[in-house]
């Protein structure tokens, strides 16, 4: 089952206070990006936020599990009806993405040997 266009657009709208949030199809779902960094993914009309040691306890406390072996956790159902909570979780996921490394470049850069 693919993501519905309406759900993807709703997530982009709900997360728009974070900045210019975009989505693009990938892995049978959608990656959600801000400033070139993927901070969420959408699969089967469920959004998962990037988590690391600083924010994953919050997801675990709500009983949420990671998406497979990836560091993305399902958003607690109560947050889906609370725009402020969703924005907070999205912001924490952006911070985790920043802590996790450099943003992806669309161009291949040559490396020095």
N, C-alpha and C. Protein backbone atom coordinates (compact mmCIF):
# COMPACT_ATOMS: atom_id res chain seq x y z
N UNK A 1 0.84 -1.18 0.00
CA UNK A 1 0.00 0.00 0.00
C UNK A 1 0.89 1.25 0.00
N UNK A 2 0.66 2.11 -0.93
CA UNK A 2 1.43 3.35 -1.04
C UNK A 2 0.82 4.42 -0.14
N UNK A 3 1.58 5.48 0.04
CA UNK A 3 1.07 6.62 0.81
C UNK A 3 0.03 7.37 -0.01
N UNK A 4 -0.99 7.88 0.67
CA UNK A 4 -1.95 8.72 -0.03
C UNK A 4 -1.36 10.12 -0.16
N UNK A 5 -1.66 10.76 -1.29
CA UNK A 5 -1.17 12.13 -1.51
C UNK A 5 -1.70 13.06 -0.42
N UNK A 6 -2.94 12.83 0.02
CA UNK A 6 -3.54 13.67 1.06
C UNK A 6 -2.77 13.57 2.37
N UNK A 7 -2.37 12.36 2.75
CA UNK A 7 -1.64 12.19 4.01
C UNK A 7 -0.27 12.88 3.93
N UNK A 8 0.43 12.67 2.85
CA UNK A 8 1.75 13.29 2.69
C UNK A 8 1.61 14.81 2.75
N UNK A 9 0.62 15.36 2.05
CA UNK A 9 0.43 16.80 2.07
C UNK A 9 0.06 17.30 3.46
N UNK A 10 -0.77 16.55 4.18
CA UNK A 10 -1.14 16.94 5.55
C UNK A 10 0.10 17.01 6.44
N UNK A 11 0.98 16.03 6.31
CA UNK A 11 2.21 16.04 7.12
C UNK A 11 3.08 17.23 6.75
N UNK A 12 3.20 17.53 5.48
CA UNK A 12 3.99 18.70 5.06
C UNK A 12 3.38 19.98 5.61
N UNK A 13 2.06 20.08 5.55
CA UNK A 13 1.38 21.26 6.09
C UNK A 13 1.58 21.37 7.60
N UNK A 14 1.40 20.24 8.30
CA UNK A 14 1.52 20.26 9.77
C UNK A 14 2.95 20.57 10.22
N UNK A 15 3.93 20.19 9.42
CA UNK A 15 5.33 20.41 9.79
C UNK A 15 5.90 21.70 9.20
N UNK A 16 5.10 22.45 8.46
CA UNK A 16 5.57 23.66 7.79
C UNK A 16 6.09 24.73 8.76
N UNK A 17 5.65 24.78 10.04
CA UNK A 17 6.26 25.77 10.94
C UNK A 17 7.77 25.55 11.15
N UNK A 18 8.27 24.35 10.83
CA UNK A 18 9.70 24.07 10.96
C UNK A 18 10.51 24.74 9.86
N UNK A 19 9.87 25.05 8.73
CA UNK A 19 10.57 25.63 7.59
C UNK A 19 10.07 25.02 6.31
N UNK A 20 10.91 25.04 5.28
CA UNK A 20 10.55 24.52 3.96
C UNK A 20 10.71 23.00 3.94
N UNK A 21 9.71 22.31 4.46
CA UNK A 21 9.71 20.85 4.55
C UNK A 21 9.24 20.29 3.20
N UNK A 22 9.97 19.30 2.71
CA UNK A 22 9.62 18.67 1.44
C UNK A 22 9.58 17.16 1.61
N UNK A 23 8.94 16.51 0.65
CA UNK A 23 8.89 15.04 0.65
C UNK A 23 9.22 14.56 -0.75
N UNK A 24 9.87 13.41 -0.80
CA UNK A 24 10.10 12.80 -2.11
C UNK A 24 9.97 11.29 -1.98
N UNK A 25 9.46 10.67 -3.04
CA UNK A 25 9.27 9.22 -3.00
C UNK A 25 10.61 8.50 -2.86
N UNK A 26 10.62 7.49 -2.00
CA UNK A 26 11.79 6.64 -1.83
C UNK A 26 11.42 5.39 -1.05
N UNK A 27 12.02 4.29 -1.40
CA UNK A 27 11.84 3.02 -0.68
C UNK A 27 10.37 2.62 -0.57
N UNK A 28 9.55 2.94 -1.54
CA UNK A 28 8.14 2.59 -1.49
C UNK A 28 7.32 3.51 -0.60
N UNK A 29 7.95 4.52 -0.03
CA UNK A 29 7.27 5.49 0.82
C UNK A 29 7.74 6.88 0.44
N UNK A 30 7.91 7.74 1.42
CA UNK A 30 8.40 9.09 1.20
C UNK A 30 9.42 9.46 2.27
N UNK A 31 10.50 10.09 1.86
CA UNK A 31 11.41 10.71 2.80
C UNK A 31 10.96 12.14 3.01
N UNK A 32 11.08 12.63 4.24
CA UNK A 32 10.68 14.01 4.56
C UNK A 32 11.96 14.75 4.95
N UNK A 33 12.17 15.92 4.31
CA UNK A 33 13.44 16.64 4.41
C UNK A 33 13.25 18.08 4.84
N UNK A 34 14.26 18.58 5.52
CA UNK A 34 14.37 20.00 5.84
C UNK A 34 15.84 20.37 5.68
N UNK A 35 16.12 21.35 4.85
CA UNK A 35 17.50 21.77 4.65
C UNK A 35 18.41 20.68 4.15
N UNK A 36 17.88 19.78 3.32
CA UNK A 36 18.69 18.71 2.76
C UNK A 36 18.89 17.51 3.67
N UNK A 37 18.31 17.56 4.86
CA UNK A 37 18.44 16.44 5.80
C UNK A 37 17.12 15.70 5.93
N UNK A 38 17.18 14.38 5.81
CA UNK A 38 15.99 13.56 6.01
C UNK A 38 15.77 13.41 7.51
N UNK A 39 14.59 13.82 7.97
CA UNK A 39 14.30 13.74 9.40
C UNK A 39 13.06 12.90 9.70
N UNK A 40 12.39 12.46 8.66
CA UNK A 40 11.20 11.62 8.86
C UNK A 40 10.98 10.78 7.61
N UNK A 41 10.22 9.75 7.78
CA UNK A 41 9.79 8.96 6.63
C UNK A 41 8.32 8.63 6.81
N UNK A 42 7.66 8.47 5.68
CA UNK A 42 6.24 8.12 5.68
C UNK A 42 6.11 6.81 4.95
N UNK A 43 5.48 5.84 5.60
CA UNK A 43 5.23 4.53 5.02
C UNK A 43 3.83 4.09 5.38
N UNK A 44 3.05 3.75 4.38
CA UNK A 44 1.68 3.27 4.58
C UNK A 44 0.87 4.26 5.42
N UNK A 45 1.01 5.54 5.10
CA UNK A 45 0.30 6.63 5.78
C UNK A 45 0.56 6.68 7.28
N UNK A 46 1.79 6.37 7.65
CA UNK A 46 2.26 6.50 9.04
C UNK A 46 3.57 7.28 8.96
N UNK A 47 3.73 8.28 9.84
CA UNK A 47 4.97 9.04 9.84
C UNK A 47 5.87 8.57 10.98
N UNK A 48 7.14 8.44 10.65
CA UNK A 48 8.17 8.02 11.58
C UNK A 48 9.22 9.12 11.65
N UNK A 49 9.60 9.51 12.87
CA UNK A 49 10.60 10.57 13.05
C UNK A 49 11.95 9.99 13.41
N UNK A 50 13.01 10.64 12.93
CA UNK A 50 14.37 10.23 13.25
C UNK A 50 14.61 10.39 14.74
N UNK A 51 15.26 9.40 15.31
CA UNK A 51 15.54 9.42 16.74
C UNK A 51 16.99 9.00 16.98
N UNK A 52 17.53 9.50 18.07
CA UNK A 52 18.88 9.13 18.50
C UNK A 52 18.86 9.03 20.02
N UNK A 53 20.01 8.96 20.63
CA UNK A 53 20.08 8.80 22.08
C UNK A 53 19.40 9.93 22.84
N UNK A 54 19.30 11.11 22.22
CA UNK A 54 18.70 12.25 22.92
C UNK A 54 17.18 12.31 22.86
N UNK A 55 16.55 11.64 21.90
CA UNK A 55 15.09 11.74 21.82
C UNK A 55 14.36 10.41 21.69
N UNK A 56 15.05 9.29 21.57
CA UNK A 56 14.34 8.04 21.38
C UNK A 56 13.61 7.54 22.62
N UNK A 57 14.05 7.93 23.81
CA UNK A 57 13.37 7.50 25.04
C UNK A 57 11.92 7.99 25.07
N UNK A 58 11.69 9.15 24.49
CA UNK A 58 10.34 9.70 24.44
C UNK A 58 9.42 8.80 23.62
N UNK A 59 9.91 8.29 22.51
CA UNK A 59 9.12 7.38 21.68
C UNK A 59 8.91 6.04 22.39
N UNK A 60 9.97 5.54 23.00
CA UNK A 60 9.89 4.27 23.72
C UNK A 60 8.90 4.36 24.88
N UNK A 61 8.90 5.51 25.58
CA UNK A 61 7.98 5.70 26.70
C UNK A 61 6.52 5.66 26.25
N UNK A 62 6.28 6.05 25.01
CA UNK A 62 4.93 6.03 24.45
C UNK A 62 4.61 4.68 23.82
N UNK A 63 5.56 3.73 23.92
CA UNK A 63 5.34 2.39 23.38
C UNK A 63 5.58 2.28 21.89
N UNK A 64 6.25 3.27 21.31
CA UNK A 64 6.49 3.27 19.87
C UNK A 64 7.76 2.48 19.56
N UNK A 65 7.73 1.78 18.46
CA UNK A 65 8.85 0.95 18.02
C UNK A 65 9.53 1.60 16.82
N UNK A 66 10.79 1.24 16.58
CA UNK A 66 11.47 1.77 15.40
C UNK A 66 10.94 1.14 14.11
N UNK A 67 11.19 1.81 13.01
CA UNK A 67 10.82 1.31 11.69
C UNK A 67 11.90 0.33 11.26
N UNK A 68 11.61 -0.95 11.42
CA UNK A 68 12.61 -1.97 11.11
C UNK A 68 13.85 -1.75 11.94
N UNK A 69 14.99 -1.74 11.28
CA UNK A 69 16.25 -1.51 12.00
C UNK A 69 16.75 -0.08 11.80
N UNK A 70 15.88 0.76 11.27
CA UNK A 70 16.26 2.15 11.02
C UNK A 70 15.99 2.99 12.27
N UNK A 71 16.69 4.11 12.43
CA UNK A 71 16.51 4.94 13.62
C UNK A 71 15.34 5.93 13.49
N UNK A 72 14.22 5.44 13.01
CA UNK A 72 13.01 6.25 12.86
C UNK A 72 11.91 5.58 13.66
N UNK A 73 11.21 6.36 14.50
CA UNK A 73 10.18 5.82 15.37
C UNK A 73 8.81 6.35 14.98
N UNK A 74 7.82 5.46 15.08
CA UNK A 74 6.45 5.85 14.77
C UNK A 74 6.00 6.96 15.71
N UNK A 75 5.27 7.89 15.17
CA UNK A 75 4.75 9.00 15.96
C UNK A 75 3.63 8.49 16.86
N UNK A 76 3.64 8.84 18.13
CA UNK A 76 2.55 8.41 19.01
C UNK A 76 1.20 8.90 18.45
N UNK A 77 0.18 8.04 18.47
CA UNK A 77 -1.12 8.41 17.90
C UNK A 77 -1.68 9.73 18.44
N UNK A 78 -1.49 10.02 19.72
CA UNK A 78 -2.02 11.26 20.30
C UNK A 78 -1.41 12.49 19.64
N UNK A 79 -0.17 12.38 19.15
CA UNK A 79 0.49 13.53 18.52
C UNK A 79 -0.11 13.84 17.15
N UNK A 80 -0.75 12.87 16.55
CA UNK A 80 -1.32 13.10 15.22
C UNK A 80 -2.49 14.09 15.27
N UNK A 81 -3.11 14.24 16.42
CA UNK A 81 -4.22 15.18 16.58
C UNK A 81 -3.80 16.43 17.34
N UNK A 82 -2.51 16.60 17.57
CA UNK A 82 -2.00 17.73 18.34
C UNK A 82 -0.88 18.40 17.53
N UNK A 83 -1.23 19.45 16.75
CA UNK A 83 -0.22 20.08 15.89
C UNK A 83 1.03 20.56 16.62
N UNK A 84 0.88 21.07 17.83
CA UNK A 84 2.06 21.52 18.58
C UNK A 84 2.97 20.36 18.94
N UNK A 85 2.38 19.25 19.33
CA UNK A 85 3.16 18.05 19.68
C UNK A 85 3.87 17.50 18.44
N UNK A 86 3.15 17.46 17.32
CA UNK A 86 3.73 16.97 16.08
C UNK A 86 4.90 17.86 15.66
N UNK A 87 4.72 19.17 15.78
CA UNK A 87 5.79 20.11 15.45
C UNK A 87 6.98 19.91 16.38
N UNK A 88 6.73 19.71 17.67
CA UNK A 88 7.81 19.47 18.64
C UNK A 88 8.60 18.20 18.25
N UNK A 89 7.89 17.13 17.98
CA UNK A 89 8.55 15.87 17.61
C UNK A 89 9.33 16.03 16.32
N UNK A 90 8.76 16.77 15.36
CA UNK A 90 9.46 17.04 14.11
C UNK A 90 10.74 17.83 14.34
N UNK A 91 10.67 18.84 15.20
CA UNK A 91 11.85 19.64 15.52
C UNK A 91 12.93 18.81 16.18
N UNK A 92 12.52 17.92 17.09
CA UNK A 92 13.49 17.03 17.75
C UNK A 92 14.11 16.07 16.74
N UNK A 93 13.32 15.64 15.75
CA UNK A 93 13.85 14.76 14.70
C UNK A 93 14.83 15.50 13.79
N UNK A 94 14.56 16.76 13.50
CA UNK A 94 15.50 17.57 12.71
C UNK A 94 16.81 17.68 13.49
N UNK A 95 16.73 17.94 14.78
CA UNK A 95 17.94 18.04 15.60
C UNK A 95 18.71 16.72 15.59
N UNK A 96 18.00 15.60 15.64
CA UNK A 96 18.66 14.29 15.58
C UNK A 96 19.35 14.10 14.23
N UNK A 97 18.70 14.55 13.17
CA UNK A 97 19.29 14.44 11.84
C UNK A 97 20.56 15.29 11.74
N UNK A 98 20.54 16.46 12.33
CA UNK A 98 21.73 17.33 12.34
C UNK A 98 22.85 16.67 13.13
N UNK A 99 22.51 16.13 14.29
CA UNK A 99 23.53 15.45 15.11
C UNK A 99 24.07 14.23 14.40
N UNK A 100 23.24 13.61 13.56
CA UNK A 100 23.62 12.36 12.90
C UNK A 100 24.61 12.50 11.76
N UNK A 101 24.84 13.69 11.29
CA UNK A 101 25.83 13.82 10.23
C UNK A 101 25.53 14.91 9.25
N UNK A 102 26.33 14.91 8.23
CA UNK A 102 26.25 15.93 7.20
C UNK A 102 25.05 15.69 6.31
N UNK A 103 24.54 16.80 5.75
CA UNK A 103 23.43 16.65 4.83
C UNK A 103 23.94 16.08 3.52
N UNK A 104 23.04 15.45 2.80
CA UNK A 104 23.37 14.81 1.53
C UNK A 104 23.53 15.88 0.45
N UNK A 105 24.56 15.72 -0.33
CA UNK A 105 24.80 16.63 -1.44
C UNK A 105 24.25 16.01 -2.71
N UNK A 106 23.66 16.83 -3.56
CA UNK A 106 23.16 16.32 -4.83
C UNK A 106 24.29 16.11 -5.83
N UNK A 107 25.45 16.71 -5.59
CA UNK A 107 26.59 16.55 -6.47
C UNK A 107 27.65 15.70 -5.78
N UNK A 108 28.30 14.89 -6.56
CA UNK A 108 29.43 14.13 -6.01
C UNK A 108 30.62 15.05 -5.89
N UNK A 109 31.18 15.11 -4.72
CA UNK A 109 32.36 15.94 -4.51
C UNK A 109 33.58 15.03 -4.53
N UNK A 110 34.63 15.49 -5.16
CA UNK A 110 35.84 14.67 -5.20
C UNK A 110 36.51 14.73 -3.83
N UNK A 111 37.08 13.59 -3.46
CA UNK A 111 37.78 13.50 -2.17
C UNK A 111 39.27 13.62 -2.40
N UNK A 112 39.92 14.22 -1.42
CA UNK A 112 41.38 14.30 -1.45
C UNK A 112 41.94 12.98 -0.96
N UNK A 113 42.99 12.51 -1.59
CA UNK A 113 43.61 11.25 -1.19
C UNK A 113 44.74 11.48 -0.24
